[in-house]
Amino acid sequence: MQQRGAISARVLFGLAPHSTCESMKRWLPFVKSDPLVAVIRLSGPIAAGGRGGASLSDAGLAPVIERAFRKGRPAAVALALNSPGGSPAQSALIGARIRRLSEECEVPVYAFVEDVAASGGYWLACAADQIWIDRSSIIGSIGVIYAGFGFPEFLSRYGVERRVHTAGESKSFLDPFQPEKPEDVARLMLLQTPIHDAFKDHVRARRGKRLKEDRDLFTGDVWVGEQAVELGLADGIGHMVPVMKERFGEKVKFALHSPRRGLWSRLGAPAVAGVMDEIEARALWARYGL
């Protein structure tokens, strides 16, 4: 069962399974092995824990990233990326882990964007040395967002009284059941600004002089395909297999690395995940029409 699942996953992903001959080559020092590209699939919103294992987190991806860089002496690591973003901290942790292992193992990293690499998804793309996208890929959204709801009129309409007692004036910060306060909004901006600055610093450090200097790329806007390439947010239009074959030859092999899903997740845990988590994840995708 386990072996059949591994083979089918590679077939669905467009990757051929390793042959017995290729395995033997790796054990024979006098026979040159075909180049190997380790593939890490990064698909879904970015968040710590939760969401039935459907989200990307540093803790969940750590063993996957380690295996990709260290198993089989890969010539490169390719990120198959499809994410609308999420947690800034988790994005930074995952990206830093990829960079650290790339430098330690002296293995280059290539990102291949599918539908979208926006916000935290683009942070992950910038962990690669090169970013390749489809003509219809959406990338960018270099900004920070906070979204919520306000219910004060709803409570008063139905005669509901909410009682909140705090020690510390900021403990009820942005309480959705109270009218929005200007001082709370000002405080929120003070929190968002350093996160945005860290995002901009990361993009500038990774993309460098490839970024178009006469455009403000940090407004939270997004671009599609060739627009993103012209602005220096991506390096070209291309897909994983042909680009890697062009780089490493027709005999290049691919090894797919993905998180090992537990029994609870395989039996449908996402179906019983928290409703609010599911709504949040769908809202992230919906912002890009997905």
C-alpha atoms as a PDB file:
ATOM      1  CA  MET A   1       0.000   0.000   0.000  1.00  0.00           C
ATOM      2  CA  GLN A   2       2.695   2.466   0.986  1.00  0.00           C
ATOM      3  CA  GLN A   3       4.811   1.761  -2.107  1.00  0.00           C
ATOM      4  CA  ARG A   4       1.814   2.008  -4.455  1.00  0.00           C
ATOM      5  CA  GLY A   5       0.859   5.378  -2.926  1.00  0.00           C
ATOM      6  CA  ALA A   6       4.379   6.732  -3.394  1.00  0.00           C
ATOM      7  CA  ILE A   7       4.438   5.724  -7.064  1.00  0.00           C
ATOM      8  CA  SER A   8       0.984   7.153  -7.780  1.00  0.00           C
ATOM      9  CA  ALA A   9       1.948  10.451  -6.133  1.00  0.00           C
ATOM     10  CA  ARG A  10       4.959  10.760  -8.418  1.00  0.00           C
ATOM     11  CA  VAL A  11       2.841   9.914 -11.475  1.00  0.00           C
ATOM     12  CA  LEU A  12       0.184  12.486 -10.561  1.00  0.00           C
ATOM     13  CA  PHE A  13       2.898  15.066 -10.016  1.00  0.00           C
ATOM     14  CA  GLY A  14       4.527  14.254 -13.333  1.00  0.00           C
ATOM     15  CA  LEU A  15       7.650  12.707 -11.812  1.00  0.00           C
ATOM     16  CA  ALA A  16       8.981   9.322 -12.834  1.00  0.00           C
ATOM     17  CA  PRO A  17       9.809   6.847 -10.022  1.00  0.00           C
ATOM     18  CA  HIS A  18      13.466   5.937  -9.526  1.00  0.00           C
ATOM     19  CA  SER A  19      14.541   2.838 -11.398  1.00  0.00           C
ATOM     20  CA  THR A  20      16.474  -0.045  -9.866  1.00  0.00           C
ATOM     21  CA  CYS A  21      19.414   0.807 -12.116  1.00  0.00           C
ATOM     22  CA  GLU A  22      19.484   4.347 -10.777  1.00  0.00           C
ATOM     23  CA  SER A  23      19.487   3.032  -7.195  1.00  0.00           C
ATOM     24  CA  MET A  24      22.445   0.763  -8.031  1.00  0.00           C
ATOM     25  CA  LYS A  25      24.366   3.670  -9.554  1.00  0.00           C
ATOM     26  CA  ARG A  26      24.279   5.505  -6.237  1.00  0.00           C
ATOM     27  CA  TRP A  27      25.996   2.590  -4.532  1.00  0.00           C
ATOM     28  CA  LEU A  28      28.733   2.186  -7.145  1.00  0.00           C
ATOM     29  CA  PRO A  29      31.381   4.916  -6.826  1.00  0.00           C
ATOM     30  CA  PHE A  30      32.806   4.311 -10.305  1.00  0.00           C
ATOM     31  CA  VAL A  31      29.411   4.758 -12.019  1.00  0.00           C
ATOM     32  CA  LYS A  32      28.233   8.331 -12.415  1.00  0.00           C
ATOM     33  CA  SER A  33      24.672   8.868 -11.180  1.00  0.00           C
ATOM     34  CA  ASP A  34      22.157  10.888 -13.103  1.00  0.00           C
ATOM     35  CA  PRO A  35      21.520  14.330 -11.587  1.00  0.00           C
ATOM     36  CA  LEU A  36      18.858  14.361  -8.893  1.00  0.00           C
ATOM     37  CA  VAL A  37      16.434  17.199  -8.155  1.00  0.00           C
ATOM     38  CA  ALA A  38      14.611  17.001  -4.821  1.00  0.00           C
ATOM     39  CA  VAL A  39      11.087  18.412  -5.036  1.00  0.00           C
ATOM     40  CA  ILE A  40       9.301  19.938  -2.036  1.00  0.00           C
ATOM     41  CA  ARG A  41       5.599  20.603  -2.496  1.00  0.00           C
ATOM     42  CA  LEU A  42       4.459  23.735  -0.626  1.00  0.00           C
ATOM     43  CA  SER A  43       0.714  23.983  -1.142  1.00  0.00           C
ATOM     44  CA  GLY A  44      -1.852  25.702   1.070  1.00  0.00           C
ATOM     45  CA  PRO A  45      -2.170  28.542   3.571  1.00  0.00           C
ATOM     46  CA  ILE A  46       0.707  29.177   5.982  1.00  0.00           C
ATOM     47  CA  ALA A  47      -0.132  28.794   9.679  1.00  0.00           C
ATOM     48  CA  ALA A  48       1.176  27.166  12.838  1.00  0.00           C
ATOM     49  CA  GLY A  49      -0.588  23.840  13.469  1.00  0.00           C
ATOM     50  CA  GLY A  50      -4.333  23.480  13.006  1.00  0.00           C
ATOM     51  CA  ARG A  51      -6.466  23.103   9.920  1.00  0.00           C
ATOM     52  CA  GLY A  52      -6.291  19.329   9.920  1.00  0.00           C
ATOM     53  CA  GLY A  53      -2.719  19.280   8.669  1.00  0.00           C
ATOM     54  CA  ALA A  54      -3.667  21.241   5.539  1.00  0.00           C
ATOM     55  CA  SER A  55      -1.560  24.309   6.382  1.00  0.00           C
ATOM     56  CA  LEU A  56       2.169  24.879   5.982  1.00  0.00           C
ATOM     57  CA  SER A  57       4.197  25.358   9.167  1.00  0.00           C
ATOM     58  CA  ASP A  58       7.883  25.280  10.044  1.00  0.00           C
ATOM     59  CA  ALA A  59       7.416  22.403  12.502  1.00  0.00           C
ATOM     60  CA  GLY A  60       5.487  20.314   9.977  1.00  0.00           C
ATOM     61  CA  LEU A  61       7.885  20.985   7.104  1.00  0.00           C
ATOM     62  CA  ALA A  62      11.196  20.738   9.010  1.00  0.00           C
ATOM     63  CA  PRO A  63      11.751  16.973   8.417  1.00  0.00           C
ATOM     64  CA  VAL A  64      10.599  17.273   4.802  1.00  0.00           C
ATOM     65  CA  ILE A  65      13.035  20.089   4.032  1.00  0.00           C
ATOM     66  CA  GLU A  66      15.868  18.266   5.822  1.00  0.00           C
ATOM     67  CA  ARG A  67      15.288  15.090   3.771  1.00  0.00           C
ATOM     68  CA  ALA A  68      15.115  17.015   0.526  1.00  0.00           C
ATOM     69  CA  PHE A  69      18.519  18.653   1.008  1.00  0.00           C
ATOM     70  CA  ARG A  70      20.367  15.700   2.556  1.00  0.00           C
ATOM     71  CA  LYS A  71      18.972  12.563   0.914  1.00  0.00           C
ATOM     72  CA  GLY A  72      20.637  11.340  -2.265  1.00  0.00           C
ATOM     73  CA  ARG A  73      23.010  14.290  -2.755  1.00  0.00           C
ATOM     74  CA  PRO A  74      20.647  16.375  -4.934  1.00  0.00           C
ATOM     75  CA  ALA A  75      21.985  18.722  -7.581  1.00  0.00           C
ATOM     76  CA  ALA A  76      19.168  21.138  -6.728  1.00  0.00           C
ATOM     77  CA  VAL A  77      16.012  21.505  -4.673  1.00  0.00           C
ATOM     78  CA  ALA A  78      12.823  22.601  -6.450  1.00  0.00           C
ATOM     79  CA  LEU A  79       9.895  24.172  -4.600  1.00  0.00           C
ATOM     80  CA  ALA A  80       6.504  23.391  -6.166  1.00  0.00           C
ATOM     81  CA  LEU A  81       4.709  26.395  -4.726  1.00  0.00           C
ATOM     82  CA  ASN A  82       1.020  27.229  -4.494  1.00  0.00           C
ATOM     83  CA  SER A  83       0.132  29.389  -1.488  1.00  0.00           C
ATOM     84  CA  PRO A  84      -2.002  32.485  -0.821  1.00  0.00           C
ATOM     85  CA  GLY A  85       0.069  33.293   2.271  1.00  0.00           C
ATOM     86  CA  GLY A  86      -0.748  33.421   5.958  1.00  0.00           C
ATOM     87  CA  SER A  87       1.418  33.744   9.065  1.00  0.00           C
ATOM     88  CA  PRO A  88       4.384  36.137   8.660  1.00  0.00           C
ATOM     89  CA  ALA A  89       6.366  34.348  11.385  1.00  0.00           C
ATOM     90  CA  GLN A  90       5.850  30.879   9.890  1.00  0.00           C
ATOM     91  CA  SER A  91       6.736  32.204   6.428  1.00  0.00           C
ATOM     92  CA  ALA A  92       9.977  33.637   7.802  1.00  0.00           C
ATOM     93  CA  LEU A  93      10.843  30.437   9.695  1.00  0.00           C
ATOM     94  CA  ILE A  94      10.250  28.172   6.694  1.00  0.00           C
ATOM     95  CA  GLY A  95      12.132  30.500   4.348  1.00  0.00           C
ATOM     96  CA  ALA A  96      15.066  30.775   6.756  1.00  0.00           C
ATOM     97  CA  ARG A  97      15.269  26.980   7.074  1.00  0.00           C
ATOM     98  CA  ILE A  98      15.401  26.595   3.290  1.00  0.00           C
ATOM     99  CA  ARG A  99      18.146  29.213   2.993  1.00  0.00           C
ATOM    100  CA  ARG A 100      20.168  27.749   5.864  1.00  0.00           C
ATOM    101  CA  LEU A 101      20.177  24.241   4.391  1.00  0.00           C
ATOM    102  CA  SER A 102      20.851  25.545   0.881  1.00  0.00           C
ATOM    103  CA  GLU A 103      24.018  27.241   2.129  1.00  0.00           C
ATOM    104  CA  GLU A 104      25.104  24.375   4.386  1.00  0.00           C
ATOM    105  CA  CYS A 105      24.653  21.742   1.671  1.00  0.00           C
ATOM    106  CA  GLU A 106      25.697  24.044  -1.196  1.00  0.00           C
ATOM    107  CA  VAL A 107      22.554  23.133  -3.122  1.00  0.00           C
ATOM    108  CA  PRO A 108      20.746  25.744  -5.260  1.00  0.00           C
ATOM    109  CA  VAL A 109      16.992  26.241  -4.869  1.00  0.00           C
ATOM    110  CA  TYR A 110      14.467  26.901  -7.643  1.00  0.00           C
ATOM    111  CA  ALA A 111      10.852  27.922  -7.007  1.00  0.00           C
ATOM    112  CA  PHE A 112       8.110  26.985  -9.478  1.00  0.00           C
ATOM    113  CA  VAL A 113       4.864  28.843  -8.848  1.00  0.00           C
ATOM    114  CA  GLU A 114       1.567  27.270  -9.841  1.00  0.00           C
ATOM    115  CA  ASP A 115      -1.641  29.312  -9.303  1.00  0.00           C
ATOM    116  CA  VAL A 116      -0.409  31.780  -6.725  1.00  0.00           C
ATOM    117  CA  ALA A 117       2.528  32.779  -4.530  1.00  0.00           C
ATOM    118  CA  ALA A 118       1.186  35.796  -2.693  1.00  0.00           C
ATOM    119  CA  SER A 119       2.040  37.449   0.612  1.00  0.00           C
ATOM    120  CA  GLY A 120       3.676  34.700   2.719  1.00  0.00           C
ATOM    121  CA  GLY A 121       3.651  32.475  -0.372  1.00  0.00           C
ATOM    122  CA  TYR A 122       5.872  34.983  -2.141  1.00  0.00           C
ATOM    123  CA  TRP A 123       8.097  35.132   0.957  1.00  0.00           C
ATOM    124  CA  LEU A 124       8.681  31.389   0.460  1.00  0.00           C
ATOM    125  CA  ALA A 125       9.336  31.877  -3.262  1.00  0.00           C
ATOM    126  CA  CYS A 126      12.036  34.421  -2.405  1.00  0.00           C
ATOM    127  CA  ALA A 127      13.860  31.734  -0.423  1.00  0.00           C
ATOM    128  CA  ALA A 128      14.791  30.291  -3.830  1.00  0.00           C
ATOM    129  CA  ASP A 129      17.712  31.447  -5.939  1.00  0.00           C
ATOM    130  CA  GLN A 130      15.422  31.668  -8.969  1.00  0.00           C
ATOM    131  CA  ILE A 131      11.633  32.009  -9.273  1.00  0.00           C
ATOM    132  CA  TRP A 132       9.841  30.519 -12.269  1.00  0.00           C
ATOM    133  CA  ILE A 133       6.147  31.064 -12.920  1.00  0.00           C
ATOM    134  CA  ASP A 134       3.369  30.211 -15.343  1.00  0.00           C
ATOM    135  CA  ARG A 135       1.945  32.914 -17.620  1.00  0.00           C
ATOM    136  CA  SER A 136      -1.198  32.834 -15.458  1.00  0.00           C
ATOM    137  CA  SER A 137       0.495  32.689 -12.039  1.00  0.00           C
ATOM    138  CA  ILE A 138      -0.380  35.434  -9.544  1.00  0.00           C
ATOM    139  CA  ILE A 139       2.490  36.645  -7.365  1.00  0.00           C
ATOM    140  CA  GLY A 140       3.329  39.531  -5.060  1.00  0.00           C
ATOM    141  CA  SER A 141       1.030  40.973  -2.368  1.00  0.00           C
ATOM    142  CA  ILE A 142       4.036  42.247  -0.419  1.00  0.00           C
ATOM    143  CA  GLY A 143       2.149  43.721   2.490  1.00  0.00           C
ATOM    144  CA  VAL A 144       0.486  42.966   5.831  1.00  0.00           C
ATOM    145  CA  ILE A 145      -3.246  42.643   6.410  1.00  0.00           C
ATOM    146  CA  TYR A 146      -5.534  42.432   9.413  1.00  0.00           C
ATOM    147  CA  ALA A 147      -9.202  41.547   8.868  1.00  0.00           C
ATOM    148  CA  GLY A 148     -12.011  41.130  11.342  1.00  0.00           C
ATOM    149  CA  PHE A 149     -15.671  41.856  12.055  1.00  0.00           C
ATOM    150  CA  GLY A 150     -17.531  44.279  14.284  1.00  0.00           C
ATOM    151  CA  PHE A 151     -20.710  43.308  16.166  1.00  0.00           C
ATOM    152  CA  PRO A 152     -21.602  46.168  18.584  1.00  0.00           C
ATOM    153  CA  GLU A 153     -24.904  47.059  16.875  1.00  0.00           C
ATOM    154  CA  PHE A 154     -25.853  43.394  16.581  1.00  0.00           C
ATOM    155  CA  LEU A 155     -25.575  42.971  20.362  1.00  0.00           C
ATOM    156  CA  SER A 156     -27.583  46.073  21.170  1.00  0.00           C
ATOM    157  CA  ARG A 157     -30.284  45.146  18.669  1.00  0.00           C
ATOM    158  CA  TYR A 158     -30.897  41.836  20.415  1.00  0.00           C
ATOM    159  CA  GLY A 159     -30.494  43.159  23.926  1.00  0.00           C
ATOM    160  CA  VAL A 160     -27.256  41.303  24.639  1.00  0.00           C
ATOM    161  CA  GLU A 161     -24.961  42.836  27.241  1.00  0.00           C
ATOM    162  CA  ARG A 162     -21.284  41.893  27.084  1.00  0.00           C
ATOM    163  CA  ARG A 163     -19.193  42.263  30.216  1.00  0.00           C
ATOM    164  CA  VAL A 164     -15.403  42.510  29.932  1.00  0.00           C
ATOM    165  CA  HIS A 165     -13.051  43.156  32.860  1.00  0.00           C
ATOM    166  CA  THR A 166      -9.337  43.596  32.192  1.00  0.00           C
ATOM    167  CA  ALA A 167      -6.147  44.375  34.094  1.00  0.00           C
ATOM    168  CA  GLY A 168      -4.208  46.351  31.501  1.00  0.00           C
ATOM    169  CA  GLU A 169      -5.835  48.852  29.171  1.00  0.00           C
ATOM    170  CA  SER A 170      -4.765  47.034  25.988  1.00  0.00           C
ATOM    171  CA  LYS A 171      -6.223  43.632  26.876  1.00  0.00           C
ATOM    172  CA  SER A 172      -9.450  44.405  24.986  1.00  0.00           C
ATOM    173  CA  PHE A 173      -7.531  45.732  21.980  1.00  0.00           C
ATOM    174  CA  LEU A 174      -9.700  45.605  18.797  1.00  0.00           C
ATOM    175  CA  ASP A 175     -12.584  43.913  20.627  1.00  0.00           C
ATOM    176  CA  PRO A 176     -15.075  43.075  17.824  1.00  0.00           C
ATOM    177  CA  PHE A 177     -18.016  43.581  20.201  1.00  0.00           C
ATOM    178  CA  GLN A 178     -17.119  47.219  20.928  1.00  0.00           C
ATOM    179  CA  PRO A 179     -17.074  50.210  18.559  1.00  0.00           C
ATOM    180  CA  GLU A 180     -13.733  50.587  16.781  1.00  0.00           C
ATOM    181  CA  LYS A 181     -11.409  53.011  18.562  1.00  0.00           C
ATOM    182  CA  PRO A 182      -8.976  55.289  16.677  1.00  0.00           C
ATOM    183  CA  GLU A 183      -6.265  54.547  19.233  1.00  0.00           C
ATOM    184  CA  ASP A 184      -6.657  50.809  18.557  1.00  0.00           C
ATOM    185  CA  VAL A 185      -6.243  51.358  14.804  1.00  0.00           C
ATOM    186  CA  ALA A 186      -3.142  53.488  15.414  1.00  0.00           C
ATOM    187  CA  ARG A 187      -1.730  50.770  17.641  1.00  0.00           C
ATOM    188  CA  LEU A 188      -2.437  48.152  14.948  1.00  0.00           C
ATOM    189  CA  MET A 189      -0.467  50.178  12.404  1.00  0.00           C
ATOM    190  CA  LEU A 190       2.493  50.262  14.787  1.00  0.00           C
ATOM    191  CA  LEU A 191       2.366  46.457  14.899  1.00  0.00           C
ATOM    192  CA  GLN A 192       1.978  45.993  11.143  1.00  0.00           C
ATOM    193  CA  THR A 193       4.753  48.370  10.097  1.00  0.00           C
ATOM    194  CA  PRO A 194       7.748  46.359  11.405  1.00  0.00           C
ATOM    195  CA  ILE A 195       6.299  43.175   9.905  1.00  0.00           C
ATOM    196  CA  HIS A 196       5.941  44.923   6.545  1.00  0.00           C
ATOM    197  CA  ASP A 197       9.485  46.274   6.852  1.00  0.00           C
ATOM    198  CA  ALA A 198      10.819  42.763   7.491  1.00  0.00           C
ATOM    199  CA  PHE A 199       8.973  41.499   4.395  1.00  0.00           C
ATOM    200  CA  LYS A 200      10.418  44.292   2.231  1.00  0.00           C
ATOM    201  CA  ASP A 201      13.929  43.663   3.566  1.00  0.00           C
ATOM    202  CA  HIS A 202      13.616  39.951   2.753  1.00  0.00           C
ATOM    203  CA  VAL A 203      12.488  40.607  -0.830  1.00  0.00           C
ATOM    204  CA  ARG A 204      15.207  43.196  -1.417  1.00  0.00           C
ATOM    205  CA  ALA A 205      17.891  40.912   0.029  1.00  0.00           C
ATOM    206  CA  ARG A 206      16.842  37.940  -2.084  1.00  0.00           C
ATOM    207  CA  ARG A 207      15.898  39.661  -5.366  1.00  0.00           C
ATOM    208  CA  GLY A 208      18.498  42.445  -5.232  1.00  0.00           C
ATOM    209  CA  LYS A 209      19.127  44.347  -8.453  1.00  0.00           C
ATOM    210  CA  ARG A 210      16.618  42.200 -10.332  1.00  0.00           C
ATOM    211  CA  LEU A 211      13.811  44.364  -8.885  1.00  0.00           C
ATOM    212  CA  LYS A 212      12.696  47.256 -11.075  1.00  0.00           C
ATOM    213  CA  GLU A 213      13.829  50.378  -9.267  1.00  0.00           C
ATOM    214  CA  ASP A 214      11.270  52.873 -10.600  1.00  0.00           C
ATOM    215  CA  ARG A 215       8.219  50.959  -9.293  1.00  0.00           C
ATOM    216  CA  ASP A 216       6.856  50.663  -5.775  1.00  0.00           C
ATOM    217  CA  LEU A 217       6.490  46.899  -5.429  1.00  0.00           C
ATOM    218  CA  PHE A 218       5.559  46.920  -1.749  1.00  0.00           C
ATOM    219  CA  THR A 219       1.991  48.261  -1.845  1.00  0.00           C
ATOM    220  CA  GLY A 220       0.358  44.840  -1.466  1.00  0.00           C
ATOM    221  CA  ASP A 221      -0.468  44.724  -5.195  1.00  0.00           C
ATOM    222  CA  VAL A 222      -0.227  41.509  -7.226  1.00  0.00           C
ATOM    223  CA  TRP A 223       0.949  40.823 -10.784  1.00  0.00           C
ATOM    224  CA  VAL A 224       0.407  38.052 -13.312  1.00  0.00           C
ATOM    225  CA  GLY A 225       2.937  36.127 -15.365  1.00  0.00           C
ATOM    226  CA  GLU A 226       5.096  38.274 -17.622  1.00  0.00           C
ATOM    227  CA  GLN A 227       4.215  41.431 -15.656  1.00  0.00           C
ATOM    228  CA  ALA A 228       5.962  39.938 -12.629  1.00  0.00           C
ATOM    229  CA  VAL A 229       8.987  38.936 -14.718  1.00  0.00           C
ATOM    230  CA  GLU A 230       9.321  42.473 -16.131  1.00  0.00           C
ATOM    231  CA  LEU A 231       9.269  43.890 -12.585  1.00  0.00           C
ATOM    232  CA  GLY A 232      11.955  41.471 -11.398  1.00  0.00           C
ATOM    233  CA  LEU A 233       9.677  39.620  -8.993  1.00  0.00           C
ATOM    234  CA  ALA A 234      10.267  36.426 -11.006  1.00  0.00           C
ATOM    235  CA  ASP A 235      13.055  35.232 -13.286  1.00  0.00           C
ATOM    236  CA  GLY A 236      11.071  33.755 -16.140  1.00  0.00           C
ATOM    237  CA  ILE A 237       8.117  31.830 -17.499  1.00  0.00           C
ATOM    238  CA  GLY A 238       8.773  28.115 -17.204  1.00  0.00           C
ATOM    239  CA  HIS A 239       7.696  24.827 -15.670  1.00  0.00           C
ATOM    240  CA  MET A 240       9.672  22.517 -13.439  1.00  0.00           C
ATOM    241  CA  VAL A 241      10.511  19.526 -15.626  1.00  0.00           C
ATOM    242  CA  PRO A 242      11.624  21.376 -18.799  1.00  0.00           C
ATOM    243  CA  VAL A 243      13.542  24.021 -16.836  1.00  0.00           C
ATOM    244  CA  MET A 244      15.355  21.410 -14.738  1.00  0.00           C
ATOM    245  CA  LYS A 245      16.144  19.349 -17.832  1.00  0.00           C
ATOM    246  CA  GLU A 246      17.601  22.441 -19.464  1.00  0.00           C
ATOM    247  CA  ARG A 247      19.743  23.042 -16.369  1.00  0.00           C
ATOM    248  CA  PHE A 248      20.822  19.482 -15.559  1.00  0.00           C
ATOM    249  CA  GLY A 249      20.300  17.447 -18.723  1.00  0.00           C
ATOM    250  CA  GLU A 250      17.674  15.093 -20.109  1.00  0.00           C
ATOM    251  CA  LYS A 251      18.575  12.323 -17.633  1.00  0.00           C
ATOM    252  CA  VAL A 252      17.758  14.379 -14.546  1.00  0.00           C
ATOM    253  CA  LYS A 253      15.731  12.482 -11.932  1.00  0.00           C
ATOM    254  CA  PHE A 254      13.123  13.882  -9.548  1.00  0.00           C
ATOM    255  CA  ALA A 255      12.402  12.823  -5.968  1.00  0.00           C
ATOM    256  CA  LEU A 256       9.210  14.176  -4.418  1.00  0.00           C
ATOM    257  CA  HIS A 257       9.337  15.001  -0.701  1.00  0.00           C
ATOM    258  CA  SER A 258       6.095  15.804   1.124  1.00  0.00           C
ATOM    259  CA  PRO A 259       4.829  15.669   4.721  1.00  0.00           C
ATOM    260  CA  ARG A 260       3.847  12.239   5.980  1.00  0.00           C
ATOM    261  CA  ARG A 261       0.153  12.485   6.774  1.00  0.00           C
ATOM    262  CA  GLY A 262      -1.046  10.748   9.906  1.00  0.00           C
ATOM    263  CA  LEU A 263      -3.964   8.314  10.049  1.00  0.00           C
ATOM    264  CA  TRP A 264      -6.343  10.949  11.420  1.00  0.00           C
ATOM    265  CA  SER A 265      -5.544  13.301   8.542  1.00  0.00           C
ATOM    266  CA  ARG A 266      -5.956  10.560   5.922  1.00  0.00           C
ATOM    267  CA  LEU A 267      -9.359   9.609   7.349  1.00  0.00           C
ATOM    268  CA  GLY A 268     -10.698  13.097   6.750  1.00  0.00           C
ATOM    269  CA  ALA A 269      -9.649  15.293   9.645  1.00  0.00           C
ATOM    270  CA  PRO A 270      -9.890  18.386   7.418  1.00  0.00           C
ATOM    271  CA  ALA A 271     -13.638  17.758   7.190  1.00  0.00           C
ATOM    272  CA  VAL A 272     -13.994  18.191  10.936  1.00  0.00           C
ATOM    273  CA  ALA A 273     -11.472  21.006  11.343  1.00  0.00           C
ATOM    274  CA  GLY A 274     -12.569  24.204  13.069  1.00  0.00           C
ATOM    275  CA  VAL A 275     -15.153  26.095  11.037  1.00  0.00           C
ATOM    276  CA  MET A 276     -13.439  29.461  11.521  1.00  0.00           C
ATOM    277  CA  ASP A 277     -10.081  28.022  10.392  1.00  0.00           C
ATOM    278  CA  GLU A 278     -11.731  26.644   7.269  1.00  0.00           C
ATOM    279  CA  ILE A 279     -13.425  29.975   6.534  1.00  0.00           C
ATOM    280  CA  GLU A 280     -10.122  31.813   6.964  1.00  0.00           C
ATOM    281  CA  ALA A 281      -8.311  29.436   4.625  1.00  0.00           C
ATOM    282  CA  ARG A 282     -11.028  29.753   1.973  1.00  0.00           C
ATOM    283  CA  ALA A 283     -10.955  33.542   2.313  1.00  0.00           C
ATOM    284  CA  LEU A 284      -7.193  33.585   1.633  1.00  0.00           C
ATOM    285  CA  TRP A 285      -7.654  31.602  -1.598  1.00  0.00           C
ATOM    286  CA  ALA A 286     -10.747  33.590  -2.596  1.00  0.00           C
ATOM    287  CA  ARG A 287      -8.767  36.843  -2.656  1.00  0.00           C
ATOM    288  CA  TYR A 288      -7.069  35.513  -5.796  1.00  0.00           C
ATOM    289  CA  GLY A 289     -10.143  33.976  -7.387  1.00  0.00           C
ATOM    290  CA  LEU A 290      -9.270  30.434  -6.307  1.00  0.00           C
END
